[in-house]
Amino acid sequence: MMAFRGQRPAQSEEMCDAAAAVVAARQGMEQPLTAVAEAFEELARGMEADGGELRLAPFGDTCALVSVLFSSLGIAFKFAESEYVTKVNDLIGASKEYATLNDILDKDVENDSVKKQGSHSRNLRRVRLGLGLIKALFEQFLATEYVSPFTHSFVRSSRAQICQLALLRWQQQQMLCAAINGGSSSVCC
């Protein structure tokens, strides 16, 4: 059996198809927040209909819509948008080969490539972090009167929320590993 990396289309083809999907998602969006909210609601309905399985193609399309929110934050978030779009492009390309998010995770676990740079599961994690950043930023927007998104304290507090969640997950993982390994968490790192 071929390695799943060999089965993927060339990077340039994948980027073109995925970039086209992102551009198509951005066209005709007068109210991007409404479009994103409706897309995630539709994604949730589809997940319920599929018995809890999250289909990769609709997930990638929905995540592509979120890139509009990154671009609305201005030049300060250009790098975050670029990284996010690259990771979403990978997932959109992977949807031609894999049906669900679990299929990606299963294949990467099987190939021991979950933590390898460029793996679909690692890109999925980065997309999740991007979604978390957007969520935290827009929650901050809603919780305050108008504040420029470029205010350092505003961005810092949103970023801190995301970092604290990541640190908490890491600490929980280390405690679990220590409990499993009789006090030594170095095996799980």
Protein backbone atom coordinates (compact mmCIF):
# COMPACT_ATOMS: atom_id res chain seq x y z
CA MET A 1 0.00 0.00 0.00
CA MET A 2 1.28 3.46 -0.89
CA ALA A 3 2.01 5.93 1.89
CA PHE A 4 -0.72 8.49 2.18
CA ARG A 5 1.75 11.26 1.33
CA GLY A 6 2.29 9.69 -2.07
CA GLN A 7 -1.42 9.55 -2.77
CA ARG A 8 -1.92 13.29 -2.32
CA PRO A 9 -1.96 15.60 -5.34
CA ALA A 10 1.00 17.86 -5.91
CA GLN A 11 1.22 20.85 -3.56
CA SER A 12 0.68 23.38 -6.39
CA GLU A 13 -2.53 21.63 -7.56
CA GLU A 14 -3.82 21.40 -4.01
CA MET A 15 -3.17 25.08 -3.36
CA CYS A 16 -4.90 26.15 -6.57
CA ASP A 17 -8.05 24.13 -5.85
CA ALA A 18 -8.12 25.16 -2.21
CA ALA A 19 -7.34 28.80 -2.95
CA ALA A 20 -10.22 28.79 -5.41
CA ALA A 21 -12.49 27.47 -2.66
CA VAL A 22 -11.39 30.25 -0.30
CA VAL A 23 -11.93 32.91 -2.98
CA ALA A 24 -15.35 31.44 -3.79
CA ALA A 25 -16.23 31.48 -0.10
CA ARG A 26 -15.36 35.16 0.15
CA GLN A 27 -17.41 36.25 -2.85
CA GLY A 28 -20.86 37.63 -2.20
CA MET A 29 -20.44 37.76 1.56
CA GLU A 30 -22.04 40.98 2.66
CA GLN A 31 -22.34 39.77 6.24
CA PRO A 32 -19.46 37.38 6.89
CA LEU A 33 -20.32 36.71 10.54
CA THR A 34 -23.81 35.60 9.57
CA ALA A 35 -22.45 33.39 6.78
CA VAL A 36 -19.91 31.79 9.12
CA ALA A 37 -22.50 31.21 11.85
CA GLU A 38 -24.93 29.62 9.39
CA ALA A 39 -22.17 27.43 7.94
CA PHE A 40 -21.20 26.13 11.39
CA GLU A 41 -24.85 25.48 12.25
CA GLU A 42 -25.20 23.51 9.01
CA LEU A 43 -22.01 21.64 9.86
CA ALA A 44 -23.44 20.73 13.28
CA ARG A 45 -26.68 19.49 11.68
CA GLY A 46 -24.68 17.37 9.24
CA MET A 47 -22.62 15.93 12.07
CA GLU A 48 -25.77 14.97 13.98
CA ALA A 49 -27.20 13.35 10.83
CA ASP A 50 -23.99 11.36 10.31
CA GLY A 51 -24.04 9.94 13.83
CA GLY A 52 -21.35 12.20 15.26
CA GLU A 53 -18.92 11.90 12.35
CA LEU A 54 -17.62 15.22 11.04
CA ARG A 55 -17.29 15.18 7.26
CA LEU A 56 -14.02 16.68 6.07
CA ALA A 57 -15.23 18.45 2.90
CA PRO A 58 -17.94 20.54 4.59
CA PHE A 59 -15.58 21.23 7.51
CA GLY A 60 -12.93 22.56 5.12
CA ASP A 61 -15.46 24.71 3.28
CA THR A 62 -16.75 26.13 6.55
CA CYS A 63 -13.25 26.86 7.80
CA ALA A 64 -12.50 28.63 4.51
CA LEU A 65 -15.27 31.10 5.34
CA VAL A 66 -13.50 32.01 8.58
CA SER A 67 -10.52 33.37 6.63
CA VAL A 68 -12.70 36.38 5.81
CA LEU A 69 -12.78 37.17 9.52
CA PHE A 70 -8.98 37.07 9.70
CA SER A 71 -8.70 39.45 6.75
CA SER A 72 -11.20 41.84 8.35
CA LEU A 73 -8.78 42.27 11.27
CA GLY A 74 -6.27 44.06 9.07
CA ILE A 75 -2.57 43.85 8.40
CA ALA A 76 -1.69 42.90 11.98
CA PHE A 77 -3.28 39.49 11.40
CA LYS A 78 -1.95 38.92 7.87
CA PHE A 79 0.52 36.23 9.00
CA ALA A 80 -2.13 34.44 11.06
CA GLU A 81 -4.48 34.54 8.08
CA SER A 82 -1.79 33.22 5.74
CA GLU A 83 -0.94 30.34 8.06
CA TYR A 84 -4.61 29.55 8.66
CA VAL A 85 -5.45 29.54 4.93
CA THR A 86 -2.49 27.24 4.21
CA LYS A 87 -3.69 24.72 6.81
CA VAL A 88 -7.29 24.92 5.57
CA ASN A 89 -6.01 24.40 2.01
CA ASP A 90 -4.37 21.18 3.17
CA LEU A 91 -7.62 19.95 4.72
CA ILE A 92 -9.60 20.84 1.60
CA GLY A 93 -7.09 18.90 -0.49
CA ALA A 94 -7.26 15.97 1.93
CA SER A 95 -11.05 15.86 1.61
CA LYS A 96 -10.58 14.31 -1.84
CA GLU A 97 -8.98 11.29 -0.19
CA TYR A 98 -10.53 11.14 3.28
CA ALA A 99 -14.22 11.35 4.14
CA THR A 100 -14.09 12.36 7.82
CA LEU A 101 -11.78 14.00 10.32
CA ASN A 102 -11.49 10.66 12.11
CA ASP A 103 -10.18 9.09 8.88
CA ILE A 104 -7.34 11.62 8.84
CA LEU A 105 -6.51 11.02 12.48
CA ASP A 106 -6.63 7.24 12.08
CA LYS A 107 -4.31 7.33 9.06
CA ASP A 108 -1.82 9.68 10.73
CA VAL A 109 -1.81 7.55 13.89
CA GLU A 110 -1.29 4.42 11.76
CA ASN A 111 1.64 6.08 9.95
CA ASP A 112 3.01 7.60 13.19
CA SER A 113 2.91 11.05 11.60
CA VAL A 114 0.57 12.89 13.97
CA LYS A 115 3.32 15.20 15.26
CA LYS A 116 5.19 15.56 11.97
CA GLN A 117 5.23 18.93 10.29
CA GLY A 118 2.79 19.03 7.38
CA SER A 119 0.68 16.10 8.54
CA HIS A 120 -3.06 16.50 8.14
CA SER A 121 -3.69 15.96 11.84
CA ARG A 122 -1.16 18.64 12.78
CA ASN A 123 -2.73 21.01 10.27
CA LEU A 124 -6.13 20.18 11.75
CA ARG A 125 -4.81 21.20 15.16
CA ARG A 126 -3.49 24.48 13.76
CA VAL A 127 -6.88 25.19 12.16
CA ARG A 128 -8.51 24.52 15.51
CA LEU A 129 -6.15 27.01 17.17
CA GLY A 130 -6.98 29.58 14.48
CA LEU A 131 -10.68 29.06 15.09
CA GLY A 132 -10.06 29.47 18.82
CA LEU A 133 -8.20 32.74 18.23
CA ILE A 134 -11.02 34.13 16.09
CA LYS A 135 -13.56 33.01 18.68
CA ALA A 136 -11.66 34.71 21.51
CA LEU A 137 -11.17 37.92 19.53
CA PHE A 138 -14.80 38.21 18.54
CA GLU A 139 -15.94 37.38 22.08
CA GLN A 140 -13.75 40.30 23.17
CA PHE A 141 -15.41 42.48 20.51
CA LEU A 142 -18.83 41.58 21.86
CA ALA A 143 -17.84 42.00 25.51
CA THR A 144 -16.54 45.55 25.12
CA GLU A 145 -17.63 48.75 23.54
CA TYR A 146 -15.76 49.55 20.36
CA VAL A 147 -12.07 48.89 20.81
CA SER A 148 -9.67 48.90 17.94
CA PRO A 149 -8.52 45.34 17.21
CA PHE A 150 -5.00 46.69 17.01
CA THR A 151 -4.95 47.72 20.67
CA HIS A 152 -2.17 45.66 22.21
CA SER A 153 -4.05 44.84 25.40
CA PHE A 154 -7.08 43.69 23.43
CA VAL A 155 -5.08 41.31 21.23
CA ARG A 156 -2.89 40.23 24.15
CA SER A 157 -5.91 39.23 26.27
CA SER A 158 -7.43 37.22 23.41
CA ARG A 159 -4.13 35.52 22.69
CA ALA A 160 -3.61 34.83 26.39
CA GLN A 161 -6.92 32.97 26.54
CA ILE A 162 -5.80 30.66 23.72
CA CYS A 163 -2.34 30.14 25.25
CA GLN A 164 -3.80 29.39 28.68
CA LEU A 165 -6.07 26.73 27.17
CA ALA A 166 -3.12 25.14 25.36
CA LEU A 167 -1.02 25.20 28.55
CA LEU A 168 -3.86 23.69 30.56
CA ARG A 169 -4.23 20.86 28.01
CA TRP A 170 -0.48 20.22 28.12
CA GLN A 171 -0.47 20.15 31.94
CA GLN A 172 -3.39 17.72 31.95
CA GLN A 173 -1.56 15.50 29.46
CA GLN A 174 1.59 15.52 31.61
CA MET A 175 -0.38 14.64 34.76
CA LEU A 176 -2.10 11.78 32.92
CA CYS A 177 1.23 10.50 31.60
CA ALA A 178 2.75 10.69 35.08
CA ALA A 179 -0.17 8.74 36.51
CA ILE A 180 0.13 6.08 33.80
CA ASN A 181 3.92 5.79 34.04
CA GLY A 182 4.16 5.77 37.82
CA GLY A 183 5.30 9.34 38.34
CA SER A 184 7.43 9.87 35.24
CA SER A 185 5.87 12.03 32.53
CA SER A 186 8.98 12.05 30.32
CA VAL A 187 7.76 9.03 28.35
CA CYS A 188 4.74 10.93 26.99
CA CYS A 189 6.54 14.10 25.95
